[in-house]
Amino acid sequence: MTIVKFMLSSVILGMVGIYLLHDLGLAKLSIKATILGPVILGAFIFGLGWGLPGYCPGTSMGALGEGRWDALWGILGMIVGAGFFCGSLPGA
């Protein structure tokens, strides 16, 4: 249950923080249109980059810092997946 509590507290803190920044006029919220094709492709590439080496995003950075070069594949998979997702958004 430790991870569940950690993730839940992170989501709640992030949610409160984003709305606080919005209320203070420091951030603008906008809902993006959902286009399933690019989202599925980006998620697939991101998942491959995460699943094949067996590292989650946070631990892959730590593993690379420890000198485990196989973690680099996970990091590259995350970057490529995020790039496909961002490049596929309308107006990008």
Protein backbone atom coordinates (compact mmCIF):
# COMPACT_ATOMS: atom_id res chain seq x y z
CA MET A 1 0.00 0.00 0.00
CA THR A 2 3.00 2.32 0.26
CA ILE A 3 3.10 3.03 -3.48
CA VAL A 4 -0.66 3.58 -3.61
CA LYS A 5 -0.48 6.11 -0.75
CA PHE A 6 2.55 7.81 -2.32
CA MET A 7 0.89 8.10 -5.73
CA LEU A 8 -2.42 9.26 -4.28
CA SER A 9 -0.74 11.97 -2.24
CA SER A 10 1.29 13.04 -5.30
CA VAL A 11 -1.82 13.30 -7.46
CA ILE A 12 -3.73 15.27 -4.82
CA LEU A 13 -0.80 17.63 -4.19
CA GLY A 14 -0.33 18.17 -7.93
CA MET A 15 -4.05 18.79 -8.42
CA VAL A 16 -4.22 21.33 -5.60
CA GLY A 17 -1.01 22.99 -6.81
CA ILE A 18 -2.20 23.35 -10.40
CA TYR A 19 -5.53 24.86 -9.36
CA LEU A 20 -3.78 27.15 -6.89
CA LEU A 21 -1.48 28.40 -9.67
CA HIS A 22 -4.54 28.86 -11.88
CA ASP A 23 -6.38 30.85 -9.19
CA LEU A 24 -3.32 33.07 -8.70
CA GLY A 25 -3.16 33.73 -12.45
CA LEU A 26 0.22 32.00 -12.85
CA ALA A 27 -1.06 29.13 -15.01
CA LYS A 28 -3.62 28.75 -17.77
CA LEU A 29 -5.68 25.55 -17.96
CA SER A 30 -6.83 24.30 -21.34
CA ILE A 31 -8.30 20.94 -22.27
CA LYS A 32 -6.75 19.39 -25.34
CA ALA A 33 -8.72 17.38 -27.86
CA THR A 34 -8.24 13.62 -27.64
CA ILE A 35 -6.95 12.00 -30.82
CA LEU A 36 -6.71 8.28 -30.16
CA GLY A 37 -4.23 7.23 -32.88
CA PRO A 38 -1.24 9.29 -31.74
CA VAL A 39 -2.06 8.69 -28.08
CA ILE A 40 -2.10 4.92 -28.59
CA LEU A 41 1.13 5.01 -30.62
CA GLY A 42 2.90 7.18 -28.03
CA ALA A 43 1.64 5.01 -25.18
CA PHE A 44 2.80 1.88 -26.98
CA ILE A 45 6.31 3.25 -27.53
CA PHE A 46 6.42 4.59 -23.97
CA GLY A 47 5.28 1.20 -22.65
CA LEU A 48 7.94 -0.62 -24.64
CA GLY A 49 10.59 1.72 -23.28
CA TRP A 50 9.32 1.01 -19.77
CA GLY A 51 8.48 -2.68 -20.00
CA LEU A 52 11.39 -4.14 -21.95
CA PRO A 53 14.15 -3.14 -19.53
CA GLY A 54 11.87 -3.64 -16.51
CA TYR A 55 12.29 -0.15 -15.04
CA CYS A 56 9.62 2.38 -14.22
CA PRO A 57 10.39 5.99 -15.22
CA GLY A 58 11.82 7.05 -11.84
CA THR A 59 13.93 3.98 -11.21
CA SER A 60 15.38 4.06 -14.73
CA MET A 61 17.02 7.40 -13.91
CA GLY A 62 18.36 6.00 -10.65
CA ALA A 63 19.60 2.84 -12.37
CA LEU A 64 21.43 4.90 -15.00
CA GLY A 65 23.02 6.90 -12.18
CA GLU A 66 24.25 3.61 -10.72
CA GLY A 67 25.88 2.74 -14.03
CA ARG A 68 23.30 0.28 -15.38
CA TRP A 69 23.44 1.13 -19.04
CA ASP A 70 20.38 -0.97 -19.92
CA ALA A 71 18.27 1.71 -18.21
CA LEU A 72 19.20 4.04 -21.06
CA TRP A 73 16.80 2.08 -23.31
CA GLY A 74 13.95 2.86 -20.93
CA ILE A 75 14.83 6.54 -20.84
CA LEU A 76 15.09 6.70 -24.63
CA GLY A 77 11.73 4.93 -24.94
CA MET A 78 10.13 7.53 -22.67
CA ILE A 79 11.61 10.40 -24.64
CA VAL A 80 10.59 8.98 -28.03
CA GLY A 81 7.05 8.17 -26.82
CA ALA A 82 6.62 11.65 -25.37
CA GLY A 83 7.99 13.16 -28.58
CA PHE A 84 5.49 11.26 -30.72
CA PHE A 85 2.66 12.31 -28.43
CA CYS A 86 3.66 16.00 -28.37
CA GLY A 87 4.40 16.12 -32.09
CA SER A 88 1.00 14.67 -32.91
CA LEU A 89 -1.06 17.30 -31.08
CA PRO A 90 -2.94 19.78 -33.27
CA GLY A 91 -1.03 23.00 -33.65
CA ALA A 92 2.25 21.46 -32.54
